[in-house]
Amino acid sequence: MGQLIFDSTTRTTIDDRALAHLQIVMLNKLRRRESFAFSWKYPASEGDGRSTVWVAPELPLHFRFSGSRAPSINPAWIDLLMDSANTGSGLHLVPEPPAGTTVAAPAAD
C-alpha cells in the first residue's frame, strides 16, 4: 500500500496499482495547470468517513509507493479517472475496469 500525501499534512493510504493510475491522471491535470478536487473514502479500520482536498499546481503533492516495481497501466482506467477528474465533483477512485474496456463518454455534469 502506497500513500498520497498532500501539503505534507494530509495523507491517505492507497493500493500501489491504484496510486500509479491516480499519479498519471493528477500529473497530467497539473501539467496543464488545472486544479481539481480529489475525494476518497476511509476504510472501516480508519473510522469510515471521507475527505476531499483541493489539488492545485502550486501545492505540494507526494506519491509514495511501497513496492519498487511500476505496475502495468490500464488505459481504460486512466480514461475513467480522467473523466471523473473533469466533473464538478472532482476526481475519485473508481473501480478498475477489465483491460481493453472501451470507456463511453461521460454524461454532462
N, C-alpha and C. Protein backbone atom coordinates (compact mmCIF):
# COMPACT_ATOMS: atom_id res chain seq x y z
N MET A 1 0.84 -1.18 0.00
CA MET A 1 0.00 0.00 0.00
C MET A 1 0.88 1.24 0.00
N GLY A 2 0.60 2.12 -0.93
CA GLY A 2 1.33 3.37 -1.01
C GLY A 2 0.59 4.48 -0.28
N GLN A 3 1.14 5.67 -0.34
CA GLN A 3 0.50 6.82 0.28
C GLN A 3 0.49 7.99 -0.69
N LEU A 4 -0.58 8.74 -0.62
CA LEU A 4 -0.69 10.00 -1.34
C LEU A 4 -0.70 11.08 -0.27
N ILE A 5 0.28 11.98 -0.34
CA ILE A 5 0.48 12.98 0.71
C ILE A 5 0.30 14.37 0.10
N PHE A 6 -0.59 15.15 0.70
CA PHE A 6 -0.89 16.50 0.24
C PHE A 6 -0.32 17.50 1.23
N ASP A 7 0.46 18.44 0.76
CA ASP A 7 0.92 19.55 1.59
C ASP A 7 1.60 19.06 2.87
N SER A 8 2.15 17.88 2.87
CA SER A 8 2.87 17.22 3.97
C SER A 8 2.03 17.03 5.23
N THR A 9 0.75 17.36 5.20
CA THR A 9 -0.08 17.21 6.40
C THR A 9 -1.24 16.24 6.23
N THR A 10 -1.78 16.13 5.04
CA THR A 10 -2.91 15.24 4.78
C THR A 10 -2.43 14.08 3.94
N ARG A 11 -2.78 12.88 4.37
CA ARG A 11 -2.34 11.70 3.62
C ARG A 11 -3.43 10.64 3.62
N THR A 12 -3.37 9.80 2.61
CA THR A 12 -4.27 8.65 2.55
C THR A 12 -3.50 7.46 2.00
N THR A 13 -3.88 6.28 2.44
CA THR A 13 -3.24 5.05 2.01
C THR A 13 -4.03 4.48 0.84
N ILE A 14 -3.32 4.17 -0.24
CA ILE A 14 -3.95 3.67 -1.47
C ILE A 14 -3.09 2.54 -2.03
N ASP A 15 -3.73 1.52 -2.54
CA ASP A 15 -3.03 0.42 -3.19
C ASP A 15 -2.07 0.96 -4.25
N ASP A 16 -0.86 0.40 -4.34
CA ASP A 16 0.14 0.89 -5.29
C ASP A 16 -0.37 0.94 -6.73
N ARG A 17 -1.14 -0.06 -7.14
CA ARG A 17 -1.64 -0.08 -8.52
C ARG A 17 -2.59 1.10 -8.76
N ALA A 18 -3.51 1.31 -7.85
CA ALA A 18 -4.44 2.44 -7.97
C ALA A 18 -3.68 3.76 -7.88
N LEU A 19 -2.69 3.83 -7.00
CA LEU A 19 -1.91 5.05 -6.83
C LEU A 19 -1.16 5.41 -8.12
N ALA A 20 -0.64 4.41 -8.81
CA ALA A 20 0.07 4.66 -10.07
C ALA A 20 -0.87 5.27 -11.11
N HIS A 21 -2.11 4.79 -11.15
CA HIS A 21 -3.09 5.33 -12.09
C HIS A 21 -3.50 6.75 -11.69
N LEU A 22 -3.71 6.97 -10.39
CA LEU A 22 -4.03 8.32 -9.92
C LEU A 22 -2.89 9.29 -10.22
N GLN A 23 -1.66 8.82 -10.08
CA GLN A 23 -0.49 9.67 -10.34
C GLN A 23 -0.50 10.17 -11.79
N ILE A 24 -0.78 9.29 -12.72
CA ILE A 24 -0.81 9.68 -14.13
C ILE A 24 -1.87 10.75 -14.37
N VAL A 25 -3.07 10.52 -13.84
CA VAL A 25 -4.17 11.47 -14.04
C VAL A 25 -3.86 12.81 -13.37
N MET A 26 -3.42 12.76 -12.12
CA MET A 26 -3.15 14.00 -11.39
C MET A 26 -2.03 14.80 -12.04
N LEU A 27 -0.95 14.14 -12.41
CA LEU A 27 0.17 14.87 -13.01
C LEU A 27 -0.20 15.43 -14.38
N ASN A 28 -1.03 14.72 -15.13
CA ASN A 28 -1.48 15.27 -16.42
C ASN A 28 -2.32 16.52 -16.21
N LYS A 29 -3.22 16.49 -15.23
CA LYS A 29 -4.04 17.68 -14.93
C LYS A 29 -3.14 18.84 -14.48
N LEU A 30 -2.22 18.56 -13.58
CA LEU A 30 -1.35 19.62 -13.04
C LEU A 30 -0.40 20.16 -14.09
N ARG A 31 0.06 19.31 -14.99
CA ARG A 31 0.93 19.76 -16.07
C ARG A 31 0.22 20.80 -16.94
N ARG A 32 -1.09 20.65 -17.06
CA ARG A 32 -1.89 21.61 -17.83
C ARG A 32 -2.35 22.79 -16.95
N ARG A 33 -1.83 22.83 -15.72
CA ARG A 33 -2.15 23.89 -14.74
C ARG A 33 -3.64 23.90 -14.39
N GLU A 34 -4.24 22.71 -14.35
CA GLU A 34 -5.65 22.57 -13.99
C GLU A 34 -5.75 22.14 -12.53
N SER A 35 -6.53 22.85 -11.75
CA SER A 35 -6.82 22.49 -10.37
C SER A 35 -8.08 21.63 -10.34
N PHE A 36 -8.21 20.81 -9.29
CA PHE A 36 -9.38 19.93 -9.19
C PHE A 36 -9.50 19.42 -7.76
N ALA A 37 -10.68 18.92 -7.42
CA ALA A 37 -10.90 18.29 -6.12
C ALA A 37 -10.59 16.80 -6.24
N PHE A 38 -10.06 16.23 -5.16
CA PHE A 38 -9.86 14.78 -5.07
C PHE A 38 -10.51 14.31 -3.78
N SER A 39 -11.40 13.33 -3.90
CA SER A 39 -12.13 12.81 -2.74
C SER A 39 -11.86 11.32 -2.58
N TRP A 40 -11.87 10.86 -1.33
CA TRP A 40 -11.70 9.44 -1.06
C TRP A 40 -12.48 9.08 0.19
N LYS A 41 -12.77 7.78 0.32
CA LYS A 41 -13.45 7.24 1.49
C LYS A 41 -12.42 6.50 2.33
N TYR A 42 -12.60 6.59 3.65
CA TYR A 42 -11.74 5.85 4.56
C TYR A 42 -12.33 4.46 4.81
N PRO A 43 -11.47 3.45 4.96
CA PRO A 43 -11.98 2.12 5.28
C PRO A 43 -12.50 2.09 6.72
N ALA A 44 -13.30 1.08 7.03
CA ALA A 44 -13.85 0.94 8.38
C ALA A 44 -12.74 0.91 9.44
N SER A 45 -11.59 0.33 9.08
CA SER A 45 -10.47 0.25 10.03
C SER A 45 -9.93 1.63 10.41
N GLU A 46 -10.23 2.64 9.60
CA GLU A 46 -9.79 4.01 9.89
C GLU A 46 -10.96 4.90 10.29
N GLY A 47 -12.08 4.27 10.65
CA GLY A 47 -13.21 5.03 11.15
C GLY A 47 -14.22 5.47 10.10
N ASP A 48 -14.19 4.87 8.93
CA ASP A 48 -15.09 5.26 7.83
C ASP A 48 -14.89 6.73 7.48
N GLY A 49 -15.92 7.39 7.01
CA GLY A 49 -15.82 8.80 6.66
C GLY A 49 -15.21 9.01 5.29
N ARG A 50 -15.06 10.27 4.95
CA ARG A 50 -14.49 10.63 3.65
C ARG A 50 -13.77 11.96 3.79
N SER A 51 -12.93 12.25 2.83
CA SER A 51 -12.19 13.52 2.79
C SER A 51 -12.14 14.02 1.36
N THR A 52 -11.99 15.32 1.22
CA THR A 52 -11.77 15.96 -0.07
C THR A 52 -10.67 16.99 0.10
N VAL A 53 -9.74 17.03 -0.85
CA VAL A 53 -8.69 18.05 -0.86
C VAL A 53 -8.73 18.76 -2.21
N TRP A 54 -8.28 19.99 -2.21
CA TRP A 54 -8.14 20.76 -3.44
C TRP A 54 -6.72 20.55 -3.94
N VAL A 55 -6.57 20.09 -5.16
CA VAL A 55 -5.26 19.84 -5.76
C VAL A 55 -5.00 20.94 -6.78
N ALA A 56 -3.89 21.64 -6.60
CA ALA A 56 -3.54 22.76 -7.48
C ALA A 56 -2.05 22.71 -7.79
N PRO A 57 -1.65 23.25 -8.94
CA PRO A 57 -0.24 23.18 -9.36
C PRO A 57 0.75 23.73 -8.33
N GLU A 58 0.34 24.71 -7.54
CA GLU A 58 1.28 25.33 -6.60
C GLU A 58 1.35 24.62 -5.25
N LEU A 59 0.57 23.56 -5.06
CA LEU A 59 0.55 22.85 -3.78
C LEU A 59 1.38 21.57 -3.86
N PRO A 60 2.16 21.26 -2.82
CA PRO A 60 2.98 20.05 -2.82
C PRO A 60 2.13 18.78 -2.84
N LEU A 61 2.58 17.81 -3.59
CA LEU A 61 1.90 16.52 -3.73
C LEU A 61 2.98 15.45 -3.78
N HIS A 62 2.85 14.41 -2.97
CA HIS A 62 3.88 13.39 -2.86
C HIS A 62 3.23 12.01 -3.03
N PHE A 63 3.72 11.25 -3.99
CA PHE A 63 3.27 9.88 -4.21
C PHE A 63 4.32 8.96 -3.62
N ARG A 64 3.95 8.14 -2.63
CA ARG A 64 4.91 7.24 -2.01
C ARG A 64 4.42 5.80 -2.20
N PHE A 65 5.19 5.04 -2.97
CA PHE A 65 4.84 3.66 -3.28
C PHE A 65 5.56 2.71 -2.33
N SER A 66 4.89 1.64 -1.91
CA SER A 66 5.53 0.67 -1.03
C SER A 66 6.37 -0.33 -1.82
N GLY A 67 6.00 -0.59 -3.06
CA GLY A 67 6.74 -1.53 -3.89
C GLY A 67 7.72 -0.82 -4.81
N SER A 68 8.70 -1.56 -5.30
CA SER A 68 9.73 -0.96 -6.16
C SER A 68 9.40 -1.09 -7.65
N ARG A 69 8.45 -1.93 -8.00
CA ARG A 69 8.12 -2.14 -9.41
C ARG A 69 6.89 -1.32 -9.81
N ALA A 70 6.98 -0.71 -10.98
CA ALA A 70 5.83 0.03 -11.51
C ALA A 70 4.83 -0.99 -12.08
N PRO A 71 3.55 -0.84 -11.77
CA PRO A 71 2.56 -1.78 -12.31
C PRO A 71 2.27 -1.50 -13.77
N SER A 72 1.67 -2.48 -14.44
CA SER A 72 1.19 -2.22 -15.81
C SER A 72 0.03 -1.23 -15.71
N ILE A 73 -0.13 -0.44 -16.75
CA ILE A 73 -1.15 0.61 -16.74
C ILE A 73 -2.34 0.19 -17.61
N ASN A 74 -3.53 0.37 -17.09
CA ASN A 74 -4.77 0.06 -17.80
C ASN A 74 -5.31 1.38 -18.37
N PRO A 75 -5.19 1.59 -19.69
CA PRO A 75 -5.64 2.85 -20.29
C PRO A 75 -7.13 3.15 -20.05
N ALA A 76 -7.95 2.10 -19.98
CA ALA A 76 -9.38 2.33 -19.73
C ALA A 76 -9.60 2.91 -18.34
N TRP A 77 -8.80 2.50 -17.37
CA TRP A 77 -8.91 3.04 -16.01
C TRP A 77 -8.46 4.50 -15.99
N ILE A 78 -7.39 4.79 -16.72
CA ILE A 78 -6.93 6.18 -16.82
C ILE A 78 -8.05 7.05 -17.38
N ASP A 79 -8.72 6.57 -18.43
CA ASP A 79 -9.82 7.32 -19.04
C ASP A 79 -10.95 7.57 -18.04
N LEU A 80 -11.32 6.53 -17.28
CA LEU A 80 -12.39 6.69 -16.29
C LEU A 80 -12.00 7.69 -15.20
N LEU A 81 -10.77 7.60 -14.74
CA LEU A 81 -10.31 8.52 -13.70
C LEU A 81 -10.25 9.95 -14.23
N MET A 82 -9.78 10.12 -15.45
CA MET A 82 -9.71 11.46 -16.04
C MET A 82 -11.11 12.03 -16.23
N ASP A 83 -12.05 11.19 -16.68
CA ASP A 83 -13.43 11.64 -16.81
C ASP A 83 -13.96 12.11 -15.45
N SER A 84 -13.64 11.36 -14.41
CA SER A 84 -14.06 11.73 -13.06
C SER A 84 -13.45 13.07 -12.65
N ALA A 85 -12.17 13.25 -12.93
CA ALA A 85 -11.46 14.49 -12.55
C ALA A 85 -12.03 15.70 -13.26
N ASN A 86 -12.63 15.49 -14.42
CA ASN A 86 -13.16 16.60 -15.21
C ASN A 86 -14.61 16.95 -14.89
N THR A 87 -15.17 16.33 -13.85
CA THR A 87 -16.54 16.64 -13.44
C THR A 87 -16.53 17.68 -12.33
N GLY A 88 -17.68 18.23 -12.04
CA GLY A 88 -17.80 19.21 -10.97
C GLY A 88 -17.50 18.65 -9.60
N SER A 89 -17.73 17.35 -9.41
CA SER A 89 -17.44 16.74 -8.11
C SER A 89 -15.98 16.32 -7.97
N GLY A 90 -15.23 16.34 -9.04
CA GLY A 90 -13.80 16.08 -8.98
C GLY A 90 -13.42 14.61 -9.06
N LEU A 91 -12.13 14.38 -8.93
CA LEU A 91 -11.54 13.05 -9.04
C LEU A 91 -11.87 12.20 -7.83
N HIS A 92 -12.28 10.99 -8.07
CA HIS A 92 -12.43 10.00 -7.02
C HIS A 92 -12.04 8.65 -7.61
N LEU A 93 -11.58 7.76 -6.75
CA LEU A 93 -11.10 6.46 -7.19
C LEU A 93 -12.29 5.59 -7.58
N VAL A 94 -12.34 5.21 -8.84
CA VAL A 94 -13.40 4.34 -9.35
C VAL A 94 -12.80 2.95 -9.55
N PRO A 95 -13.62 1.90 -9.52
CA PRO A 95 -13.09 0.54 -9.70
C PRO A 95 -12.42 0.38 -11.06
N GLU A 96 -11.39 -0.45 -11.08
CA GLU A 96 -10.68 -0.71 -12.34
C GLU A 96 -11.54 -1.55 -13.27
N PRO A 97 -11.73 -1.09 -14.51
CA PRO A 97 -12.46 -1.91 -15.49
C PRO A 97 -11.55 -3.00 -16.04
N PRO A 98 -12.12 -4.03 -16.66
CA PRO A 98 -11.27 -5.03 -17.30
C PRO A 98 -10.40 -4.39 -18.38
N ALA A 99 -9.19 -4.90 -18.54
CA ALA A 99 -8.29 -4.38 -19.57
C ALA A 99 -8.96 -4.49 -20.93
N GLY A 100 -8.77 -3.49 -21.76
CA GLY A 100 -9.34 -3.49 -23.10
C GLY A 100 -10.76 -2.95 -23.17
N THR A 101 -11.31 -2.54 -22.02
CA THR A 101 -12.65 -1.97 -21.99
C THR A 101 -12.66 -0.62 -22.69
N THR A 102 -13.71 -0.36 -23.46
CA THR A 102 -13.88 0.94 -24.09
C THR A 102 -14.72 1.80 -23.16
N VAL A 103 -14.26 2.99 -22.90
CA VAL A 103 -14.96 3.89 -21.98
C VAL A 103 -15.89 4.78 -22.77
N ALA A 104 -17.15 4.82 -22.37
CA ALA A 104 -18.14 5.69 -23.02
C ALA A 104 -17.92 7.12 -22.56
N ALA A 105 -18.34 8.06 -23.37
CA ALA A 105 -18.23 9.48 -23.00
C ALA A 105 -19.07 9.73 -21.75
N PRO A 106 -18.57 10.55 -20.81
CA PRO A 106 -19.31 10.81 -19.57
C PRO A 106 -20.54 11.67 -19.83
N ALA A 107 -21.52 11.50 -18.95
CA ALA A 107 -22.72 12.35 -19.02
C ALA A 107 -22.36 13.75 -18.55
N ALA A 108 -23.09 14.73 -19.02
CA ALA A 108 -22.84 16.12 -18.61
C ALA A 108 -23.07 16.24 -17.11
N ASP A 109 -22.23 17.03 -16.46
CA ASP A 109 -22.30 17.20 -15.00
C ASP A 109 -23.27 18.29 -14.62
